[in-house]
């Protein structure tokens, strides 16, 4: 199973971030697996855990919250292909085995 986050930004081409580990920590600290250096993003904001076939996102006590499809993640939440993940002002779409195609996701 190939998993990636597709960053969606207005007026820009989507950017692909492959998730190759079983656990990916996202935040603004240098030691995070996926670093987002913005003040609206907590030092260790959230974590994506892959335990095939399940993929879950867990908020790590972030100040501004982690949102999936507009819903705040309280503890952890199951993810599916095409889910929208918002971390601070940054939006991603979860891609699993090429679905969805980044070309269809212009910001």
PDB file of N, CA and C in Angstrom:
ATOM      1  N   UNK A   1       0.847  -1.177   0.000  1.00  0.00           N
ATOM      2  CA  UNK A   1       0.000   0.000   0.000  1.00  0.00           C
ATOM      3  C   UNK A   1       0.890   1.237   0.000  1.00  0.00           C
ATOM      4  N   UNK A   2       0.688   2.108  -0.999  1.00  0.00           N
ATOM      5  CA  UNK A   2       1.439   3.360  -1.091  1.00  0.00           C
ATOM      6  C   UNK A   2       0.565   4.493  -0.604  1.00  0.00           C
ATOM      7  N   UNK A   3       1.066   5.237   0.385  1.00  0.00           N
ATOM      8  CA  UNK A   3       0.301   6.301   1.015  1.00  0.00           C
ATOM      9  C   UNK A   3       1.069   7.609   0.876  1.00  0.00           C
ATOM     10  N   UNK A   4       0.327   8.682   0.580  1.00  0.00           N
ATOM     11  CA  UNK A   4       0.951   9.998   0.454  1.00  0.00           C
ATOM     12  C   UNK A   4      -0.046  11.065   0.888  1.00  0.00           C
ATOM     13  N   UNK A   5       0.508  12.208   1.288  1.00  0.00           N
ATOM     14  CA  UNK A   5      -0.304  13.393   1.524  1.00  0.00           C
ATOM     15  C   UNK A   5      -0.078  14.320   0.347  1.00  0.00           C
ATOM     16  N   UNK A   6      -1.158  14.849  -0.215  1.00  0.00           N
ATOM     17  CA  UNK A   6      -1.074  15.791  -1.318  1.00  0.00           C
ATOM     18  C   UNK A   6      -1.408  17.169  -0.756  1.00  0.00           C
ATOM     19  N   UNK A   7      -0.434  18.088  -0.769  1.00  0.00           N
ATOM     20  CA  UNK A   7      -0.676  19.435  -0.264  1.00  0.00           C
ATOM     21  C   UNK A   7      -1.404  20.236  -1.334  1.00  0.00           C
ATOM     22  N   UNK A   8      -2.518  20.836  -0.908  1.00  0.00           N
ATOM     23  CA  UNK A   8      -3.339  21.636  -1.808  1.00  0.00           C
ATOM     24  C   UNK A   8      -3.160  23.101  -1.432  1.00  0.00           C
ATOM     25  N   UNK A   9      -2.737  23.919  -2.396  1.00  0.00           N
ATOM     26  CA  UNK A   9      -2.596  25.367  -2.163  1.00  0.00           C
ATOM     27  C   UNK A   9      -3.242  26.107  -3.320  1.00  0.00           C
ATOM     28  N   UNK A  10      -3.945  27.173  -3.011  1.00  0.00           N
ATOM     29  CA  UNK A  10      -4.600  27.962  -4.055  1.00  0.00           C
ATOM     30  C   UNK A  10      -3.577  28.485  -5.052  1.00  0.00           C
ATOM     31  N   UNK A  11      -3.866  28.252  -6.321  1.00  0.00           N
ATOM     32  CA  UNK A  11      -3.015  28.775  -7.381  1.00  0.00           C
ATOM     33  C   UNK A  11      -1.723  28.029  -7.602  1.00  0.00           C
ATOM     34  N   UNK A  12      -1.515  26.912  -6.911  1.00  0.00           N
ATOM     35  CA  UNK A  12      -0.275  26.149  -7.062  1.00  0.00           C
ATOM     36  C   UNK A  12      -0.582  24.708  -7.432  1.00  0.00           C
ATOM     37  N   UNK A  13       0.398  24.091  -8.047  1.00  0.00           N
ATOM     38  CA  UNK A  13       0.291  22.666  -8.342  1.00  0.00           C
ATOM     39  C   UNK A  13       0.271  21.885  -7.026  1.00  0.00           C
ATOM     40  N   UNK A  14      -0.500  20.807  -6.940  1.00  0.00           N
ATOM     41  CA  UNK A  14      -0.471  19.969  -5.736  1.00  0.00           C
ATOM     42  C   UNK A  14       0.930  19.384  -5.531  1.00  0.00           C
ATOM     43  N   UNK A  15       1.356  19.285  -4.261  1.00  0.00           N
ATOM     44  CA  UNK A  15       2.667  18.706  -3.921  1.00  0.00           C
ATOM     45  C   UNK A  15       2.464  17.403  -3.178  1.00  0.00           C
ATOM     46  N   UNK A  16       3.226  16.392  -3.552  1.00  0.00           N
ATOM     47  CA  UNK A  16       3.079  15.046  -2.999  1.00  0.00           C
ATOM     48  C   UNK A  16       4.134  14.785  -1.924  1.00  0.00           C
ATOM     49  N   UNK A  17       3.689  14.274  -0.765  1.00  0.00           N
ATOM     50  CA  UNK A  17       4.583  13.899   0.326  1.00  0.00           C
ATOM     51  C   UNK A  17       4.331  12.424   0.657  1.00  0.00           C
ATOM     52  N   UNK A  18       5.148  11.512   0.111  1.00  0.00           N
ATOM     53  CA  UNK A  18       4.966  10.084   0.404  1.00  0.00           C
ATOM     54  C   UNK A  18       5.178   9.793   1.894  1.00  0.00           C
ATOM     55  N   UNK A  19       4.343   8.921   2.452  1.00  0.00           N
ATOM     56  CA  UNK A  19       4.479   8.495   3.848  1.00  0.00           C
ATOM     57  C   UNK A  19       4.987   7.059   3.831  1.00  0.00           C
ATOM     58  N   UNK A  20       6.276   6.895   4.082  1.00  0.00           N
ATOM     59  CA  UNK A  20       6.886   5.572   3.956  1.00  0.00           C
ATOM     60  C   UNK A  20       7.023   4.845   5.289  1.00  0.00           C
ATOM     61  N   UNK A  21       6.739   5.525   6.398  1.00  0.00           N
ATOM     62  CA  UNK A  21       6.886   4.903   7.721  1.00  0.00           C
ATOM     63  C   UNK A  21       5.532   4.440   8.254  1.00  0.00           C
ATOM     64  N   UNK A  22       5.587   3.584   9.261  1.00  0.00           N
ATOM     65  CA  UNK A  22       4.355   3.142   9.923  1.00  0.00           C
ATOM     66  C   UNK A  22       3.745   4.259  10.748  1.00  0.00           C
ATOM     67  N   UNK A  23       4.579   5.205  11.169  1.00  0.00           N
ATOM     68  CA  UNK A  23       4.123   6.327  11.976  1.00  0.00           C
ATOM     69  C   UNK A  23       4.830   7.592  11.496  1.00  0.00           C
ATOM     70  N   UNK A  24       4.048   8.624  11.167  1.00  0.00           N
ATOM     71  CA  UNK A  24       4.591   9.881  10.676  1.00  0.00           C
ATOM     72  C   UNK A  24       4.112  11.016  11.572  1.00  0.00           C
ATOM     73  N   UNK A  25       5.041  11.699  12.235  1.00  0.00           N
ATOM     74  CA  UNK A  25       4.695  12.832  13.090  1.00  0.00           C
ATOM     75  C   UNK A  25       4.804  14.109  12.248  1.00  0.00           C
ATOM     76  N   UNK A  26       3.743  14.923  12.328  1.00  0.00           N
ATOM     77  CA  UNK A  26       3.679  16.174  11.579  1.00  0.00           C
ATOM     78  C   UNK A  26       3.663  17.327  12.580  1.00  0.00           C
ATOM     79  N   UNK A  27       4.512  18.324  12.338  1.00  0.00           N
ATOM     80  CA  UNK A  27       4.564  19.473  13.229  1.00  0.00           C
ATOM     81  C   UNK A  27       5.616  20.450  12.773  1.00  0.00           C
ATOM     82  N   UNK A  28       5.895  21.457  13.628  1.00  0.00           N
ATOM     83  CA  UNK A  28       6.858  22.481  13.205  1.00  0.00           C
ATOM     84  C   UNK A  28       8.275  22.244  13.731  1.00  0.00           C
ATOM     85  N   UNK A  29       8.466  21.264  14.616  1.00  0.00           N
ATOM     86  CA  UNK A  29       9.826  20.987  15.116  1.00  0.00           C
ATOM     87  C   UNK A  29      10.698  20.363  14.037  1.00  0.00           C
ATOM     88  N   UNK A  30      11.998  20.601  14.162  1.00  0.00           N
ATOM     89  CA  UNK A  30      12.959  20.060  13.200  1.00  0.00           C
ATOM     90  C   UNK A  30      12.958  18.540  13.154  1.00  0.00           C
ATOM     91  N   UNK A  31      12.633  17.886  14.280  1.00  0.00           N
ATOM     92  CA  UNK A  31      12.707  16.424  14.322  1.00  0.00           C
ATOM     93  C   UNK A  31      11.408  15.736  13.891  1.00  0.00           C
ATOM     94  N   UNK A  32      10.421  16.490  13.396  1.00  0.00           N
ATOM     95  CA  UNK A  32       9.193  15.876  12.882  1.00  0.00           C
ATOM     96  C   UNK A  32       9.468  15.231  11.521  1.00  0.00           C
ATOM     97  N   UNK A  33       8.721  14.180  11.222  1.00  0.00           N
ATOM     98  CA  UNK A  33       8.890  13.485   9.939  1.00  0.00           C
ATOM     99  C   UNK A  33       8.445  14.369   8.770  1.00  0.00           C
ATOM    100  N   UNK A  34       7.366  15.134   8.984  1.00  0.00           N
ATOM    101  CA  UNK A  34       6.891  16.094   7.992  1.00  0.00           C
ATOM    102  C   UNK A  34       6.799  17.434   8.703  1.00  0.00           C
ATOM    103  N   UNK A  35       7.695  18.358   8.330  1.00  0.00           N
ATOM    104  CA  UNK A  35       7.816  19.631   9.045  1.00  0.00           C
ATOM    105  C   UNK A  35       7.035  20.718   8.327  1.00  0.00           C
ATOM    106  N   UNK A  36       6.195  21.426   9.097  1.00  0.00           N
ATOM    107  CA  UNK A  36       5.453  22.578   8.594  1.00  0.00           C
ATOM    108  C   UNK A  36       5.863  23.765   9.468  1.00  0.00           C
ATOM    109  N   UNK A  37       6.800  24.592   9.003  1.00  0.00           N
ATOM    110  CA  UNK A  37       7.355  25.653   9.841  1.00  0.00           C
ATOM    111  C   UNK A  37       6.474  26.904   9.907  1.00  0.00           C
ATOM    112  N   UNK A  38       5.262  26.756  10.443  1.00  0.00           N
ATOM    113  CA  UNK A  38       4.330  27.872  10.593  1.00  0.00           C
ATOM    114  C   UNK A  38       3.894  27.978  12.039  1.00  0.00           C
ATOM    115  N   UNK A  39       3.664  29.203  12.512  1.00  0.00           N
ATOM    116  CA  UNK A  39       3.305  29.410  13.922  1.00  0.00           C
ATOM    117  C   UNK A  39       1.944  28.808  14.284  1.00  0.00           C
ATOM    118  N   UNK A  40       1.045  28.623  13.311  1.00  0.00           N
ATOM    119  CA  UNK A  40      -0.271  28.024  13.575  1.00  0.00           C
ATOM    120  C   UNK A  40      -0.201  26.506  13.759  1.00  0.00           C
ATOM    121  N   UNK A  41       0.971  25.935  13.496  1.00  0.00           N
ATOM    122  CA  UNK A  41       1.173  24.486  13.620  1.00  0.00           C
ATOM    123  C   UNK A  41       1.945  24.233  14.905  1.00  0.00           C
ATOM    124  N   UNK A  42       1.444  23.306  15.727  1.00  0.00           N
ATOM    125  CA  UNK A  42       2.113  22.983  16.995  1.00  0.00           C
ATOM    126  C   UNK A  42       3.437  22.272  16.735  1.00  0.00           C
ATOM    127  N   UNK A  43       4.308  22.281  17.765  1.00  0.00           N
ATOM    128  CA  UNK A  43       5.621  21.640  17.616  1.00  0.00           C
ATOM    129  C   UNK A  43       5.468  20.189  17.159  1.00  0.00           C
ATOM    130  N   UNK A  44       4.642  19.441  17.861  1.00  0.00           N
ATOM    131  CA  UNK A  44       4.256  18.090  17.419  1.00  0.00           C
ATOM    132  C   UNK A  44       2.738  18.119  17.337  1.00  0.00           C
ATOM    133  N   UNK A  45       2.221  18.285  16.132  1.00  0.00           N
ATOM    134  CA  UNK A  45       0.808  18.590  15.920  1.00  0.00           C
ATOM    135  C   UNK A  45      -0.066  17.337  15.866  1.00  0.00           C
ATOM    136  N   UNK A  46       0.310  16.402  14.995  1.00  0.00           N
ATOM    137  CA  UNK A  46      -0.482  15.180  14.851  1.00  0.00           C
ATOM    138  C   UNK A  46       0.406  14.056  14.330  1.00  0.00           C
ATOM    139  N   UNK A  47      -0.180  12.868  14.312  1.00  0.00           N
ATOM    140  CA  UNK A  47       0.574  11.685  13.879  1.00  0.00           C
ATOM    141  C   UNK A  47      -0.343  10.841  13.000  1.00  0.00           C
ATOM    142  N   UNK A  48       0.197  10.345  11.894  1.00  0.00           N
ATOM    143  CA  UNK A  48      -0.533   9.399  11.038  1.00  0.00           C
ATOM    144  C   UNK A  48       0.101   8.037  11.229  1.00  0.00           C
ATOM    145  N   UNK A  49      -0.740   7.066  11.588  1.00  0.00           N
ATOM    146  CA  UNK A  49      -0.274   5.704  11.860  1.00  0.00           C
ATOM    147  C   UNK A  49      -0.864   4.768  10.811  1.00  0.00           C
ATOM    148  N   UNK A  50       0.014   3.977  10.179  1.00  0.00           N
ATOM    149  CA  UNK A  50      -0.406   3.016   9.170  1.00  0.00           C
ATOM    150  C   UNK A  50      -0.251   1.617   9.742  1.00  0.00           C
ATOM    151  N   UNK A  51      -1.377   0.920   9.846  1.00  0.00           N
ATOM    152  CA  UNK A  51      -1.412  -0.473  10.267  1.00  0.00           C
ATOM    153  C   UNK A  51      -2.329  -1.169   9.270  1.00  0.00           C
ATOM    154  N   UNK A  52      -1.761  -1.438   8.072  1.00  0.00           N
ATOM    155  CA  UNK A  52      -2.556  -1.885   6.926  1.00  0.00           C
ATOM    156  C   UNK A  52      -3.554  -2.966   7.316  1.00  0.00           C
ATOM    157  N   UNK A  53      -4.774  -2.856   6.853  1.00  0.00           N
ATOM    158  CA  UNK A  53      -5.278  -1.872   5.887  1.00  0.00           C
ATOM    159  C   UNK A  53      -5.784  -0.576   6.536  1.00  0.00           C
ATOM    160  N   UNK A  54      -5.576  -0.403   7.827  1.00  0.00           N
ATOM    161  CA  UNK A  54      -6.090   0.771   8.514  1.00  0.00           C
ATOM    162  C   UNK A  54      -5.066   1.905   8.542  1.00  0.00           C
ATOM    163  N   UNK A  55      -5.568   3.135   8.379  1.00  0.00           N
ATOM    164  CA  UNK A  55      -4.749   4.342   8.501  1.00  0.00           C
ATOM    165  C   UNK A  55      -5.489   5.253   9.465  1.00  0.00           C
ATOM    166  N   UNK A  56      -4.798   5.729  10.490  1.00  0.00           N
ATOM    167  CA  UNK A  56      -5.431   6.593  11.482  1.00  0.00           C
ATOM    168  C   UNK A  56      -4.622   7.863  11.661  1.00  0.00           C
ATOM    169  N   UNK A  57      -5.332   8.934  12.030  1.00  0.00           N
ATOM    170  CA  UNK A  57      -4.681  10.182  12.391  1.00  0.00           C
ATOM    171  C   UNK A  57      -4.995  10.449  13.854  1.00  0.00           C
ATOM    172  N   UNK A  58      -3.996  10.940  14.563  1.00  0.00           N
ATOM    173  CA  UNK A  58      -4.139  11.216  15.993  1.00  0.00           C
ATOM    174  C   UNK A  58      -3.632  12.627  16.264  1.00  0.00           C
ATOM    175  N   UNK A  59      -4.466  13.453  16.902  1.00  0.00           N
ATOM    176  CA  UNK A  59      -4.022  14.785  17.298  1.00  0.00           C
ATOM    177  C   UNK A  59      -3.140  14.629  18.532  1.00  0.00           C
ATOM    178  N   UNK A  60      -2.029  15.346  18.572  1.00  0.00           N
ATOM    179  CA  UNK A  60      -1.075  15.223  19.679  1.00  0.00           C
ATOM    180  C   UNK A  60      -1.199  16.389  20.660  1.00  0.00           C
ATOM    181  N   UNK A  61      -2.439  16.838  20.897  1.00  0.00           N
ATOM    182  CA  UNK A  61      -2.670  17.934  21.834  1.00  0.00           C
ATOM    183  C   UNK A  61      -2.346  19.291  21.235  1.00  0.00           C
ATOM    184  N   UNK A  62      -2.536  19.423  19.924  1.00  0.00           N
ATOM    185  CA  UNK A  62      -2.213  20.683  19.244  1.00  0.00           C
ATOM    186  C   UNK A  62      -3.113  21.815  19.724  1.00  0.00           C
ATOM    187  N   UNK A  63      -2.589  23.032  19.660  1.00  0.00           N
ATOM    188  CA  UNK A  63      -3.347  24.218  20.085  1.00  0.00           C
ATOM    189  C   UNK A  63      -4.526  24.501  19.166  1.00  0.00           C
ATOM    190  N   UNK A  64      -4.304  24.428  17.865  1.00  0.00           N
ATOM    191  CA  UNK A  64      -5.329  24.811  16.901  1.00  0.00           C
ATOM    192  C   UNK A  64      -6.115  23.642  16.330  1.00  0.00           C
ATOM    193  N   UNK A  65      -5.775  22.435  16.730  1.00  0.00           N
ATOM    194  CA  UNK A  65      -6.532  21.261  16.298  1.00  0.00           C
ATOM    195  C   UNK A  65      -6.123  20.720  14.946  1.00  0.00           C
ATOM    196  N   UNK A  66      -6.515  19.476  14.732  1.00  0.00           N
ATOM    197  CA  UNK A  66      -6.342  18.774  13.466  1.00  0.00           C
ATOM    198  C   UNK A  66      -7.746  18.461  12.974  1.00  0.00           C
ATOM    199  N   UNK A  67      -8.011  18.704  11.695  1.00  0.00           N
ATOM    200  CA  UNK A  67      -9.357  18.512  11.155  1.00  0.00           C
ATOM    201  C   UNK A  67      -9.323  17.544   9.983  1.00  0.00           C
ATOM    202  N   UNK A  68     -10.304  16.633   9.939  1.00  0.00           N
ATOM    203  CA  UNK A  68     -10.465  15.706   8.821  1.00  0.00           C
ATOM    204  C   UNK A  68     -11.862  15.940   8.263  1.00  0.00           C
ATOM    205  N   UNK A  69     -11.913  16.316   6.989  1.00  0.00           N
ATOM    206  CA  UNK A  69     -13.186  16.629   6.326  1.00  0.00           C
ATOM    207  C   UNK A  69     -14.000  17.631   7.139  1.00  0.00           C
ATOM    208  N   UNK A  70     -13.304  18.612   7.734  1.00  0.00           N
ATOM    209  CA  UNK A  70     -13.957  19.662   8.496  1.00  0.00           C
ATOM    210  C   UNK A  70     -14.300  19.315   9.932  1.00  0.00           C
ATOM    211  N   UNK A  71     -14.059  18.060  10.334  1.00  0.00           N
ATOM    212  CA  UNK A  71     -14.375  17.601  11.688  1.00  0.00           C
ATOM    213  C   UNK A  71     -13.099  17.569  12.527  1.00  0.00           C
ATOM    214  N   UNK A  72     -13.166  18.176  13.713  1.00  0.00           N
ATOM    215  CA  UNK A  72     -11.991  18.184  14.590  1.00  0.00           C
ATOM    216  C   UNK A  72     -11.701  16.775  15.098  1.00  0.00           C
ATOM    217  N   UNK A  73     -10.432  16.383  15.037  1.00  0.00           N
ATOM    218  CA  UNK A  73     -10.004  15.081  15.548  1.00  0.00           C
ATOM    219  C   UNK A  73      -9.851  15.214  17.054  1.00  0.00           C
ATOM    220  N   UNK A  74     -10.659  14.454  17.809  1.00  0.00           N
ATOM    221  CA  UNK A  74     -10.624  14.541  19.269  1.00  0.00           C
ATOM    222  C   UNK A  74      -9.508  13.653  19.826  1.00  0.00           C
ATOM    223  N   UNK A  75      -9.458  12.410  19.446  1.00  0.00           N
ATOM    224  CA  UNK A  75      -8.355  11.539  19.866  1.00  0.00           C
ATOM    225  C   UNK A  75      -7.708  10.961  18.611  1.00  0.00           C
ATOM    226  N   UNK A  76      -8.360   9.971  17.992  1.00  0.00           N
ATOM    227  CA  UNK A  76      -7.864   9.451  16.723  1.00  0.00           C
ATOM    228  C   UNK A  76      -9.060   9.163  15.819  1.00  0.00           C
ATOM    229  N   UNK A  77      -8.786   9.076  14.524  1.00  0.00           N
ATOM    230  CA  UNK A  77      -9.838   8.922  13.531  1.00  0.00           C
ATOM    231  C   UNK A  77      -9.302   8.085  12.381  1.00  0.00           C
ATOM    232  N   UNK A  78     -10.132   7.184  11.854  1.00  0.00           N
ATOM    233  CA  UNK A  78      -9.747   6.396  10.685  1.00  0.00           C
ATOM    234  C   UNK A  78      -9.773   7.277   9.435  1.00  0.00           C
ATOM    235  N   UNK A  79      -8.818   7.039   8.538  1.00  0.00           N
ATOM    236  CA  UNK A  79      -8.715   7.809   7.296  1.00  0.00           C
ATOM    237  C   UNK A  79      -8.989   6.923   6.092  1.00  0.00           C
ATOM    238  N   UNK A  80      -9.502   7.554   5.034  1.00  0.00           N
ATOM    239  CA  UNK A  80      -9.733   6.872   3.759  1.00  0.00           C
ATOM    240  C   UNK A  80      -9.186   7.734   2.632  1.00  0.00           C
ATOM    241  N   UNK A  81      -8.962   7.118   1.477  1.00  0.00           N
ATOM    242  CA  UNK A  81      -8.474   7.859   0.314  1.00  0.00           C
ATOM    243  C   UNK A  81      -9.415   9.010   0.012  1.00  0.00           C
ATOM    244  N   UNK A  82      -8.835  10.188  -0.251  1.00  0.00           N
ATOM    245  CA  UNK A  82      -9.623  11.358  -0.594  1.00  0.00           C
ATOM    246  C   UNK A  82     -10.002  12.228   0.591  1.00  0.00           C
ATOM    247  N   UNK A  83      -9.720  11.764   1.822  1.00  0.00           N
ATOM    248  CA  UNK A  83     -10.024  12.573   2.998  1.00  0.00           C
ATOM    249  C   UNK A  83      -9.174  13.841   2.981  1.00  0.00           C
ATOM    250  N   UNK A  84      -9.778  14.958   3.397  1.00  0.00           N
ATOM    251  CA  UNK A  84      -9.070  16.226   3.509  1.00  0.00           C
ATOM    252  C   UNK A  84      -8.606  16.407   4.947  1.00  0.00           C
ATOM    253  N   UNK A  85      -7.324  16.684   5.110  1.00  0.00           N
ATOM    254  CA  UNK A  85      -6.721  16.870   6.436  1.00  0.00           C
ATOM    255  C   UNK A  85      -6.226  18.306   6.515  1.00  0.00           C
ATOM    256  N   UNK A  86      -6.653  19.025   7.551  1.00  0.00           N
ATOM    257  CA  UNK A  86      -6.189  20.400   7.739  1.00  0.00           C
ATOM    258  C   UNK A  86      -5.375  20.488   9.013  1.00  0.00           C
ATOM    259  N   UNK A  87      -4.152  20.998   8.859  1.00  0.00           N
ATOM    260  CA  UNK A  87      -3.208  21.175   9.961  1.00  0.00           C
ATOM    261  C   UNK A  87      -2.816  22.648   9.938  1.00  0.00           C
ATOM    262  N   UNK A  88      -3.340  23.430  10.879  1.00  0.00           N
ATOM    263  CA  UNK A  88      -3.169  24.875  10.815  1.00  0.00           C
ATOM    264  C   UNK A  88      -3.793  25.360   9.520  1.00  0.00           C
ATOM    265  N   UNK A  89      -3.086  26.214   8.763  1.00  0.00           N
ATOM    266  CA  UNK A  89      -3.645  26.708   7.504  1.00  0.00           C
ATOM    267  C   UNK A  89      -3.370  25.795   6.304  1.00  0.00           C
ATOM    268  N   UNK A  90      -2.698  24.672   6.535  1.00  0.00           N
ATOM    269  CA  UNK A  90      -2.264  23.801   5.444  1.00  0.00           C
ATOM    270  C   UNK A  90      -3.269  22.663   5.244  1.00  0.00           C
ATOM    271  N   UNK A  91      -3.672  22.461   3.975  1.00  0.00           N
ATOM    272  CA  UNK A  91      -4.619  21.397   3.650  1.00  0.00           C
ATOM    273  C   UNK A  91      -3.929  20.311   2.826  1.00  0.00           C
ATOM    274  N   UNK A  92      -4.219  19.076   3.195  1.00  0.00           N
ATOM    275  CA  UNK A  92      -3.721  17.909   2.475  1.00  0.00           C
ATOM    276  C   UNK A  92      -4.903  17.027   2.092  1.00  0.00           C
ATOM    277  N   UNK A  93      -4.705  16.214   1.063  1.00  0.00           N
ATOM    278  CA  UNK A  93      -5.651  15.155   0.719  1.00  0.00           C
ATOM    279  C   UNK A  93      -4.883  13.849   0.835  1.00  0.00           C
ATOM    280  N   UNK A  94      -5.497  12.852   1.483  1.00  0.00           N
ATOM    281  CA  UNK A  94      -4.841  11.551   1.644  1.00  0.00           C
ATOM    282  C   UNK A  94      -4.965  10.746   0.359  1.00  0.00           C
ATOM    283  N   UNK A  95      -3.832  10.286  -0.135  1.00  0.00           N
ATOM    284  CA  UNK A  95      -3.792   9.452  -1.333  1.00  0.00           C
ATOM    285  C   UNK A  95      -3.371   8.039  -0.942  1.00  0.00           C
ATOM    286  N   UNK A  96      -4.135   7.059  -1.401  1.00  0.00           N
ATOM    287  CA  UNK A  96      -3.800   5.653  -1.167  1.00  0.00           C
ATOM    288  C   UNK A  96      -3.733   4.961  -2.528  1.00  0.00           C
ATOM    289  N   UNK A  97      -2.581   4.352  -2.815  1.00  0.00           N
ATOM    290  CA  UNK A  97      -2.362   3.648  -4.084  1.00  0.00           C
ATOM    291  C   UNK A  97      -2.799   4.463  -5.308  1.00  0.00           C
ATOM    292  N   UNK A  98      -2.431   5.756  -5.309  1.00  0.00           N
ATOM    293  CA  UNK A  98      -2.695   6.610  -6.470  1.00  0.00           C
ATOM    294  C   UNK A  98      -4.082   7.231  -6.518  1.00  0.00           C
ATOM    295  N   UNK A  99      -4.922   6.969  -5.527  1.00  0.00           N
ATOM    296  CA  UNK A  99      -6.282   7.508  -5.495  1.00  0.00           C
ATOM    297  C   UNK A  99      -6.412   8.494  -4.328  1.00  0.00           C
ATOM    298  N   UNK A 100      -6.781   9.729  -4.588  1.00  0.00           N
ATOM    299  CA  UNK A 100      -7.120  10.351  -5.871  1.00  0.00           C
ATOM    300  C   UNK A 100      -5.882  10.801  -6.635  1.00  0.00           C
ATOM    301  N   UNK A 101      -6.084  11.064  -7.909  1.00  0.00           N
ATOM    302  CA  UNK A 101      -5.025  11.549  -8.800  1.00  0.00           C
ATOM    303  C   UNK A 101      -4.779  13.027  -8.477  1.00  0.00           C
ATOM    304  N   UNK A 102      -3.517  13.417  -8.179  1.00  0.00           N
ATOM    305  CA  UNK A 102      -3.232  14.815  -7.861  1.00  0.00           C
ATOM    306  C   UNK A 102      -3.678  15.803  -8.935  1.00  0.00           C
ATOM    307  N   UNK A 103      -3.706  15.389 -10.186  1.00  0.00           N
ATOM    308  CA  UNK A 103      -4.091  16.280 -11.276  1.00  0.00           C
ATOM    309  C   UNK A 103      -5.546  16.744 -11.134  1.00  0.00           C
ATOM    310  N   UNK A 104      -6.355  16.009 -10.386  1.00  0.00           N
ATOM    311  CA  UNK A 104      -7.763  16.373 -10.207  1.00  0.00           C
ATOM    312  C   UNK A 104      -7.963  17.305  -9.015  1.00  0.00           C
ATOM    313  N   UNK A 105      -6.875  17.673  -8.330  1.00  0.00           N
ATOM    314  CA  UNK A 105      -6.994  18.409  -7.071  1.00  0.00           C
ATOM    315  C   UNK A 105      -6.414  19.817  -7.131  1.00  0.00           C
ATOM    316  N   UNK A 106      -6.563  20.494  -8.206  1.00  0.00           N
ATOM    317  CA  UNK A 106      -6.020  21.861  -8.289  1.00  0.00           C
ATOM    318  C   UNK A 106      -6.627  22.725  -7.192  1.00  0.00           C
ATOM    319  N   UNK A 107      -5.759  23.471  -6.484  1.00  0.00           N
ATOM    320  CA  UNK A 107      -6.209  24.295  -5.366  1.00  0.00           C
ATOM    321  C   UNK A 107      -6.828  25.596  -5.798  1.00  0.00           C
TER     322      UNK A 107
END
